[in-house]
PDB file of N, CA and C in Angstrom:
ATOM      1  N   MET A   1      50.412  84.867  44.134  1.00  0.00           N
ATOM      2  CA  MET A   1      49.622  84.835  45.010  1.00  0.00           C
ATOM      3  C   MET A   1      48.567  86.138  45.033  1.00  0.00           C
ATOM      4  N   LYS A   2      47.558  85.766  44.827  1.00  0.00           N
ATOM      5  CA  LYS A   2      46.310  86.845  44.790  1.00  0.00           C
ATOM      6  C   LYS A   2      45.762  87.073  46.331  1.00  0.00           C
ATOM      7  N   ILE A   3      45.780  88.556  46.836  1.00  0.00           N
ATOM      8  CA  ILE A   3      45.212  88.578  47.890  1.00  0.00           C
ATOM      9  C   ILE A   3      43.743  89.210  47.819  1.00  0.00           C
ATOM     10  N   HIS A   4      42.970  88.772  48.597  1.00  0.00           N
ATOM     11  CA  HIS A   4      41.590  88.999  48.739  1.00  0.00           C
ATOM     12  C   HIS A   4      40.969  89.952  49.881  1.00  0.00           C
ATOM     13  N   GLN A   5      40.163  90.856  49.470  1.00  0.00           N
ATOM     14  CA  GLN A   5      40.017  91.904  50.190  1.00  0.00           C
ATOM     15  C   GLN A   5      38.818  91.256  51.033  1.00  0.00           C
ATOM     16  N   SER A   6      38.517  91.381  52.247  1.00  0.00           N
ATOM     17  CA  SER A   6      37.339  91.462  52.896  1.00  0.00           C
ATOM     18  C   SER A   6      36.123  92.030  52.258  1.00  0.00           C
ATOM     19  N   ASN A   7      34.811  91.611  52.670  1.00  0.00           N
ATOM     20  CA  ASN A   7      33.716  92.180  52.230  1.00  0.00           C
ATOM     21  C   ASN A   7      33.564  93.686  52.576  1.00  0.00           C
ATOM     22  N   THR A   8      33.865  93.667  53.712  1.00  0.00           N
ATOM     23  CA  THR A   8      33.549  95.251  54.302  1.00  0.00           C
ATOM     24  C   THR A   8      34.619  96.342  53.494  1.00  0.00           C
ATOM     25  N   GLU A   9      36.114  95.847  53.189  1.00  0.00           N
ATOM     26  CA  GLU A   9      36.686  96.559  52.706  1.00  0.00           C
ATOM     27  C   GLU A   9      36.269  97.078  50.994  1.00  0.00           C
ATOM     28  N   TYR A  10      35.699  95.730  50.581  1.00  0.00           N
ATOM     29  CA  TYR A  10      35.260  96.000  49.173  1.00  0.00           C
ATOM     30  C   TYR A  10      34.184  96.709  49.228  1.00  0.00           C
ATOM     31  N   LEU A  11      33.118  96.568  49.975  1.00  0.00           N
ATOM     32  CA  LEU A  11      31.976  97.538  49.955  1.00  0.00           C
ATOM     33  C   LEU A  11      32.195  99.042  50.230  1.00  0.00           C
ATOM     34  N   LEU A  12      33.375  99.207  51.017  1.00  0.00           N
ATOM     35  CA  LEU A  12      33.644 100.531  51.207  1.00  0.00           C
ATOM     36  C   LEU A  12      34.742 101.056  50.145  1.00  0.00           C
ATOM     37  N   THR A  13      35.467 100.469  49.539  1.00  0.00           N
ATOM     38  CA  THR A  13      35.951 100.735  48.127  1.00  0.00           C
ATOM     39  C   THR A  13      35.194 101.007  46.936  1.00  0.00           C
ATOM     40  N   VAL A  14      33.870 100.317  46.903  1.00  0.00           N
ATOM     41  CA  VAL A  14      32.876 100.516  45.829  1.00  0.00           C
ATOM     42  C   VAL A  14      32.153 101.750  46.291  1.00  0.00           C
ATOM     43  N   MET A  15      31.681 102.102  47.304  1.00  0.00           N
ATOM     44  CA  MET A  15      30.725 103.151  48.202  1.00  0.00           C
ATOM     45  C   MET A  15      31.434 104.562  47.514  1.00  0.00           C
ATOM     46  N   VAL A  16      32.642 104.596  47.634  1.00  0.00           N
ATOM     47  CA  VAL A  16      33.481 105.836  47.850  1.00  0.00           C
ATOM     48  C   VAL A  16      33.263 106.405  46.275  1.00  0.00           C
ATOM     49  N   ILE A  17      32.696 107.589  46.369  1.00  0.00           N
ATOM     50  CA  ILE A  17      32.722 108.111  44.896  1.00  0.00           C
ATOM     51  C   ILE A  17      34.167 109.339  44.723  1.00  0.00           C
ATOM     52  N   SER A  18      34.692 109.023  43.644  1.00  0.00           N
ATOM     53  CA  SER A  18      35.808 109.782  43.392  1.00  0.00           C
ATOM     54  C   SER A  18      35.558 111.388  42.805  1.00  0.00           C
ATOM     55  N   THR A  19      36.104 112.313  43.431  1.00  0.00           N
ATOM     56  CA  THR A  19      35.775 113.609  43.214  1.00  0.00           C
ATOM     57  C   THR A  19      36.309 114.109  41.804  1.00  0.00           C
ATOM     58  N   SER A  20      37.193 113.271  41.263  1.00  0.00           N
ATOM     59  CA  SER A  20      37.912 113.582  39.887  1.00  0.00           C
ATOM     60  C   SER A  20      36.830 112.949  38.810  1.00  0.00           C
ATOM     61  N   SER A  21      35.813 112.472  39.364  1.00  0.00           N
ATOM     62  CA  SER A  21      34.901 111.801  38.085  1.00  0.00           C
ATOM     63  C   SER A  21      34.190 112.887  37.466  1.00  0.00           C
ATOM     64  N   VAL A  22      34.168 112.533  36.067  1.00  0.00           N
ATOM     65  CA  VAL A  22      33.278 113.373  35.249  1.00  0.00           C
ATOM     66  C   VAL A  22      31.983 113.303  35.865  1.00  0.00           C
ATOM     67  N   TRP A  23      31.166 112.544  36.012  1.00  0.00           N
ATOM     68  CA  TRP A  23      29.895 112.743  36.516  1.00  0.00           C
ATOM     69  C   TRP A  23      30.081 113.488  37.927  1.00  0.00           C
ATOM     70  N   TYR A  24      30.818 113.209  38.565  1.00  0.00           N
ATOM     71  CA  TYR A  24      30.825 113.967  39.770  1.00  0.00           C
ATOM     72  C   TYR A  24      30.722 115.655  39.485  1.00  0.00           C
ATOM     73  N   GLN A  25      31.860 115.887  38.561  1.00  0.00           N
ATOM     74  CA  GLN A  25      32.221 117.228  38.617  1.00  0.00           C
ATOM     75  C   GLN A  25      30.754 117.958  37.689  1.00  0.00           C
ATOM     76  N   ILE A  26      30.318 117.141  36.934  1.00  0.00           N
ATOM     77  CA  ILE A  26      28.944 117.695  36.150  1.00  0.00           C
ATOM     78  C   ILE A  26      27.728 117.749  37.263  1.00  0.00           C
ATOM     79  N   TRP A  27      27.898 116.975  38.290  1.00  0.00           N
ATOM     80  CA  TRP A  27      26.693 117.173  39.157  1.00  0.00           C
ATOM     81  C   TRP A  27      27.096 118.425  39.969  1.00  0.00           C
ATOM     82  N   LYS A  28      28.295 118.572  40.362  1.00  0.00           N
ATOM     83  CA  LYS A  28      28.821 119.736  40.860  1.00  0.00           C
ATOM     84  C   LYS A  28      28.575 121.196  40.215  1.00  0.00           C
ATOM     85  N   VAL A  29      28.598 121.063  39.072  1.00  0.00           N
ATOM     86  CA  VAL A  29      28.128 122.495  38.417  1.00  0.00           C
ATOM     87  C   VAL A  29      26.638 122.499  38.232  1.00  0.00           C
ATOM     88  N   PHE A  30      25.952 121.015  38.282  1.00  0.00           N
ATOM     89  CA  PHE A  30      24.606 121.390  38.078  1.00  0.00           C
ATOM     90  C   PHE A  30      24.006 122.041  39.558  1.00  0.00           C
ATOM     91  N   ILE A  31      24.565 121.545  40.784  1.00  0.00           N
ATOM     92  CA  ILE A  31      24.116 122.305  41.970  1.00  0.00           C
ATOM     93  C   ILE A  31      24.733 123.497  41.935  1.00  0.00           C
ATOM     94  N   ILE A  32      25.631 123.812  41.486  1.00  0.00           N
ATOM     95  CA  ILE A  32      25.898 125.410  41.523  1.00  0.00           C
ATOM     96  C   ILE A  32      24.724 126.281  40.964  1.00  0.00           C
ATOM     97  N   ILE A  33      24.490 125.463  39.797  1.00  0.00           N
ATOM     98  CA  ILE A  33      23.518 126.258  38.878  1.00  0.00           C
ATOM     99  C   ILE A  33      21.954 126.364  39.756  1.00  0.00           C
ATOM    100  N   LEU A  34      21.919 125.154  40.296  1.00  0.00           N
ATOM    101  CA  LEU A  34      20.532 124.990  41.047  1.00  0.00           C
ATOM    102  C   LEU A  34      20.649 125.929  42.135  1.00  0.00           C
ATOM    103  N   SER A  35      21.631 126.181  42.979  1.00  0.00           N
ATOM    104  CA  SER A  35      21.783 126.955  44.008  1.00  0.00           C
ATOM    105  C   SER A  35      21.720 128.354  43.670  1.00  0.00           C
ATOM    106  N   PHE A  36      22.032 128.917  42.707  1.00  0.00           N
ATOM    107  CA  PHE A  36      21.755 130.180  41.968  1.00  0.00           C
ATOM    108  C   PHE A  36      20.308 130.194  41.852  1.00  0.00           C
ATOM    109  N   SER A  37      19.672 129.339  41.029  1.00  0.00           N
ATOM    110  CA  SER A  37      18.348 129.511  40.661  1.00  0.00           C
ATOM    111  C   SER A  37      17.261 129.495  42.130  1.00  0.00           C
ATOM    112  N   SER A  38      17.881 128.560  42.994  1.00  0.00           N
ATOM    113  CA  SER A  38      16.850 128.503  44.224  1.00  0.00           C
ATOM    114  C   SER A  38      17.042 129.843  45.059  1.00  0.00           C
ATOM    115  N   SER A  39      18.060 130.546  44.882  1.00  0.00           N
ATOM    116  CA  SER A  39      18.108 131.808  45.574  1.00  0.00           C
ATOM    117  C   SER A  39      17.352 132.837  45.164  1.00  0.00           C
ATOM    118  N   PHE A  40      17.299 132.768  43.729  1.00  0.00           N
ATOM    119  CA  PHE A  40      16.453 133.448  42.988  1.00  0.00           C
ATOM    120  C   PHE A  40      14.692 133.453  43.291  1.00  0.00           C
ATOM    121  N   HIS A  41      14.486 131.832  43.272  1.00  0.00           N
ATOM    122  CA  HIS A  41      13.053 131.468  43.323  1.00  0.00           C
ATOM    123  C   HIS A  41      12.899 131.881  44.768  1.00  0.00           C
ATOM    124  N   TYR A  42      13.328 131.754  45.577  1.00  0.00           N
ATOM    125  CA  TYR A  42      13.065 132.153  47.367  1.00  0.00           C
ATOM    126  C   TYR A  42      12.896 133.659  47.473  1.00  0.00           C
ATOM    127  N   ALA A  43      13.625 134.262  46.792  1.00  0.00           N
ATOM    128  CA  ALA A  43      13.803 135.857  46.881  1.00  0.00           C
ATOM    129  C   ALA A  43      12.599 135.887  46.464  1.00  0.00           C
ATOM    130  N   PHE A  44      12.192 135.925  44.974  1.00  0.00           N
ATOM    131  CA  PHE A  44      11.137 136.212  44.492  1.00  0.00           C
ATOM    132  C   PHE A  44       9.962 135.765  45.100  1.00  0.00           C
ATOM    133  N   MET A  45       9.627 134.590  45.750  1.00  0.00           N
ATOM    134  CA  MET A  45       8.707 134.343  46.822  1.00  0.00           C
ATOM    135  C   MET A  45       8.537 135.031  47.874  1.00  0.00           C
ATOM    136  N   ALA A  46       9.607 135.365  48.385  1.00  0.00           N
ATOM    137  CA  ALA A  46       9.656 136.377  49.389  1.00  0.00           C
ATOM    138  C   ALA A  46       9.050 137.763  49.206  1.00  0.00           C
ATOM    139  N   ALA A  47       9.515 138.114  48.050  1.00  0.00           N
ATOM    140  CA  ALA A  47       8.872 139.612  47.755  1.00  0.00           C
ATOM    141  C   ALA A  47       7.517 139.556  47.377  1.00  0.00           C
ATOM    142  N   PHE A  48       7.026 138.625  46.730  1.00  0.00           N
ATOM    143  CA  PHE A  48       5.951 138.809  45.677  1.00  0.00           C
ATOM    144  C   PHE A  48       4.729 137.708  46.021  1.00  0.00           C
ATOM    145  N   ASP A  49       5.240 136.562  46.686  1.00  0.00           N
ATOM    146  CA  ASP A  49       4.260 135.200  46.535  1.00  0.00           C
ATOM    147  C   ASP A  49       3.515 135.492  47.965  1.00  0.00           C
ATOM    148  N   SER A  50       2.340 135.390  47.903  1.00  0.00           N
ATOM    149  CA  SER A  50       1.533 135.380  49.169  1.00  0.00           C
ATOM    150  C   SER A  50       1.738 134.158  49.827  1.00  0.00           C
ATOM    151  N   THR A  51       1.733 134.233  51.279  1.00  0.00           N
ATOM    152  CA  THR A  51       1.761 133.043  52.005  1.00  0.00           C
ATOM    153  C   THR A  51       0.236 132.526  52.668  1.00  0.00           C
ATOM    154  N   GLU A  52      -0.718 133.307  52.010  1.00  0.00           N
ATOM    155  CA  GLU A  52      -1.950 132.871  52.659  1.00  0.00           C
ATOM    156  C   GLU A  52      -2.447 131.353  52.310  1.00  0.00           C
ATOM    157  N   GLU A  53      -3.191 130.708  53.069  1.00  0.00           N
ATOM    158  CA  GLU A  53      -3.730 129.435  52.619  1.00  0.00           C
ATOM    159  C   GLU A  53      -4.201 129.420  51.436  1.00  0.00           C
ATOM    160  N   GLY A  54      -4.164 128.394  50.361  1.00  0.00           N
ATOM    161  CA  GLY A  54      -4.705 128.454  49.199  1.00  0.00           C
ATOM    162  C   GLY A  54      -4.223 129.276  48.061  1.00  0.00           C
ATOM    163  N   ASN A  55      -3.179 130.330  48.416  1.00  0.00           N
ATOM    164  CA  ASN A  55      -2.764 130.747  47.255  1.00  0.00           C
ATOM    165  C   ASN A  55      -1.359 130.731  46.833  1.00  0.00           C
ATOM    166  N   HIS A  56      -0.851 129.392  47.608  1.00  0.00           N
ATOM    167  CA  HIS A  56       0.616 128.749  47.332  1.00  0.00           C
ATOM    168  C   HIS A  56       0.058 127.787  46.133  1.00  0.00           C
ATOM    169  N   SER A  57       0.467 128.302  44.745  1.00  0.00           N
ATOM    170  CA  SER A  57       0.184 127.206  43.754  1.00  0.00           C
ATOM    171  C   SER A  57       1.023 126.070  43.764  1.00  0.00           C
ATOM    172  N   LEU A  58       0.334 124.966  43.306  1.00  0.00           N
ATOM    173  CA  LEU A  58       0.731 123.693  42.992  1.00  0.00           C
ATOM    174  C   LEU A  58       2.312 123.584  42.428  1.00  0.00           C
ATOM    175  N   LYS A  59       2.372 124.376  41.542  1.00  0.00           N
ATOM    176  CA  LYS A  59       3.885 124.341  40.860  1.00  0.00           C
ATOM    177  C   LYS A  59       4.774 125.252  41.498  1.00  0.00           C
ATOM    178  N   THR A  60       4.297 126.038  42.247  1.00  0.00           N
ATOM    179  CA  THR A  60       5.258 126.622  43.515  1.00  0.00           C
ATOM    180  C   THR A  60       5.997 125.263  44.355  1.00  0.00           C
ATOM    181  N   ASN A  61       5.025 124.628  44.682  1.00  0.00           N
ATOM    182  CA  ASN A  61       5.252 123.322  45.709  1.00  0.00           C
ATOM    183  C   ASN A  61       6.197 122.374  45.061  1.00  0.00           C
ATOM    184  N   TYR A  62       6.129 122.079  43.891  1.00  0.00           N
ATOM    185  CA  TYR A  62       6.848 121.172  43.214  1.00  0.00           C
ATOM    186  C   TYR A  62       8.006 121.865  42.725  1.00  0.00           C
ATOM    187  N   PHE A  63       8.509 122.971  42.695  1.00  0.00           N
ATOM    188  CA  PHE A  63       9.587 123.723  42.672  1.00  0.00           C
ATOM    189  C   PHE A  63      10.597 123.537  43.833  1.00  0.00           C
ATOM    190  N   GLU A  64       9.665 123.676  44.778  1.00  0.00           N
ATOM    191  CA  GLU A  64      10.365 123.662  46.498  1.00  0.00           C
ATOM    192  C   GLU A  64      10.842 122.377  46.606  1.00  0.00           C
ATOM    193  N   LEU A  65       9.836 121.512  46.450  1.00  0.00           N
ATOM    194  CA  LEU A  65      10.029 120.031  46.533  1.00  0.00           C
ATOM    195  C   LEU A  65      11.296 119.334  45.677  1.00  0.00           C
ATOM    196  N   SER A  66      11.450 120.085  44.452  1.00  0.00           N
ATOM    197  CA  SER A  66      12.416 119.376  43.949  1.00  0.00           C
ATOM    198  C   SER A  66      13.830 119.712  44.132  1.00  0.00           C
ATOM    199  N   TYR A  67      13.581 121.235  44.423  1.00  0.00           N
ATOM    200  CA  TYR A  67      15.099 121.760  45.019  1.00  0.00           C
ATOM    201  C   TYR A  67      15.503 121.169  46.403  1.00  0.00           C
ATOM    202  N   GLU A  68      14.717 121.051  47.066  1.00  0.00           N
ATOM    203  CA  GLU A  68      14.980 120.212  48.473  1.00  0.00           C
ATOM    204  C   GLU A  68      15.252 118.656  48.305  1.00  0.00           C
ATOM    205  N   PHE A  69      14.874 118.234  47.124  1.00  0.00           N
ATOM    206  CA  PHE A  69      14.983 116.658  47.023  1.00  0.00           C
ATOM    207  C   PHE A  69      16.550 116.482  46.575  1.00  0.00           C
ATOM    208  N   LEU A  70      16.869 117.393  45.329  1.00  0.00           N
ATOM    209  CA  LEU A  70      17.998 117.531  44.738  1.00  0.00           C
ATOM    210  C   LEU A  70      19.208 117.881  46.040  1.00  0.00           C
ATOM    211  N   PHE A  71      19.029 118.840  46.610  1.00  0.00           N
ATOM    212  CA  PHE A  71      19.936 119.253  47.710  1.00  0.00           C
ATOM    213  C   PHE A  71      20.138 118.143  48.623  1.00  0.00           C
ATOM    214  N   GLY A  72      18.869 117.057  48.910  1.00  0.00           N
ATOM    215  CA  GLY A  72      19.341 115.969  49.886  1.00  0.00           C
ATOM    216  C   GLY A  72      19.913 115.030  49.380  1.00  0.00           C
ATOM    217  N   VAL A  73      19.688 114.939  47.960  1.00  0.00           N
ATOM    218  CA  VAL A  73      20.746 113.816  47.184  1.00  0.00           C
ATOM    219  C   VAL A  73      22.423 114.414  47.307  1.00  0.00           C
ATOM    220  N   ASP A  74      22.317 115.768  47.045  1.00  0.00           N
ATOM    221  CA  ASP A  74      23.795 116.161  47.059  1.00  0.00           C
ATOM    222  C   ASP A  74      24.545 115.860  48.506  1.00  0.00           C
ATOM    223  N   MET A  75      23.543 116.204  49.435  1.00  0.00           N
ATOM    224  CA  MET A  75      24.011 115.700  50.895  1.00  0.00           C
ATOM    225  C   MET A  75      24.680 114.479  50.842  1.00  0.00           C
ATOM    226  N   VAL A  76      24.009 113.093  50.497  1.00  0.00           N
ATOM    227  CA  VAL A  76      24.013 112.016  50.532  1.00  0.00           C
ATOM    228  C   VAL A  76      25.606 111.668  49.501  1.00  0.00           C
ATOM    229  N   LEU A  77      25.516 112.181  48.469  1.00  0.00           N
ATOM    230  CA  LEU A  77      26.630 112.161  47.317  1.00  0.00           C
ATOM    231  C   LEU A  77      27.956 112.579  48.141  1.00  0.00           C
ATOM    232  N   ASN A  78      27.758 113.949  48.808  1.00  0.00           N
ATOM    233  CA  ASN A  78      28.909 114.459  49.383  1.00  0.00           C
ATOM    234  C   ASN A  78      29.132 113.482  50.847  1.00  0.00           C
ATOM    235  N   PHE A  79      28.304 112.777  51.415  1.00  0.00           N
ATOM    236  CA  PHE A  79      28.998 111.746  52.436  1.00  0.00           C
ATOM    237  C   PHE A  79      29.705 110.772  51.794  1.00  0.00           C
ATOM    238  N   PHE A  80      29.576 110.418  50.622  1.00  0.00           N
ATOM    239  CA  PHE A  80      30.082 109.288  49.947  1.00  0.00           C
ATOM    240  C   PHE A  80      31.250 109.766  49.386  1.00  0.00           C
ATOM    241  N   ALA A  81      31.863 111.001  48.892  1.00  0.00           N
ATOM    242  CA  ALA A  81      32.673 111.218  48.072  1.00  0.00           C
ATOM    243  C   ALA A  81      34.133 111.294  48.901  1.00  0.00           C
ATOM    244  N   GLU A  82      35.039 111.132  48.303  1.00  0.00           N
ATOM    245  CA  GLU A  82      36.442 110.738  48.933  1.00  0.00           C
ATOM    246  C   GLU A  82      36.759 111.918  49.456  1.00  0.00           C
ATOM    247  N   PHE A  83      37.698 111.740  50.554  1.00  0.00           N
ATOM    248  CA  PHE A  83      38.451 113.182  51.256  1.00  0.00           C
ATOM    249  C   PHE A  83      39.641 113.342  50.941  1.00  0.00           C
ATOM    250  N   HIS A  84      40.036 114.403  50.694  1.00  0.00           N
ATOM    251  CA  HIS A  84      41.403 114.828  50.312  1.00  0.00           C
ATOM    252  C   HIS A  84      41.990 115.688  51.541  1.00  0.00           C
ATOM    253  N   GLN A  85      43.101 115.513  51.911  1.00  0.00           N
ATOM    254  CA  GLN A  85      43.626 116.572  52.941  1.00  0.00           C
ATOM    255  C   GLN A  85      44.823 117.249  52.213  1.00  0.00           C
TER     256      GLN A  85
END
């Protein structure tokens, strides 16, 4: 006799990301490297970059937006990662 899961239970099972997954582990290493990189980038900007209007380069804006976007993706992935006690 085969037992069927409800649609909600199946959806919740599919949405949960295993923390032992190889892809999740690679992502976490990438985020750690990105964290170090962004800390140096923002420290450099605080020390040497001018905040006057027009002096903020487009390349710097792309770096900042990419950091923020990837950290946002990481927050969403952490929301769906399985929880261990």
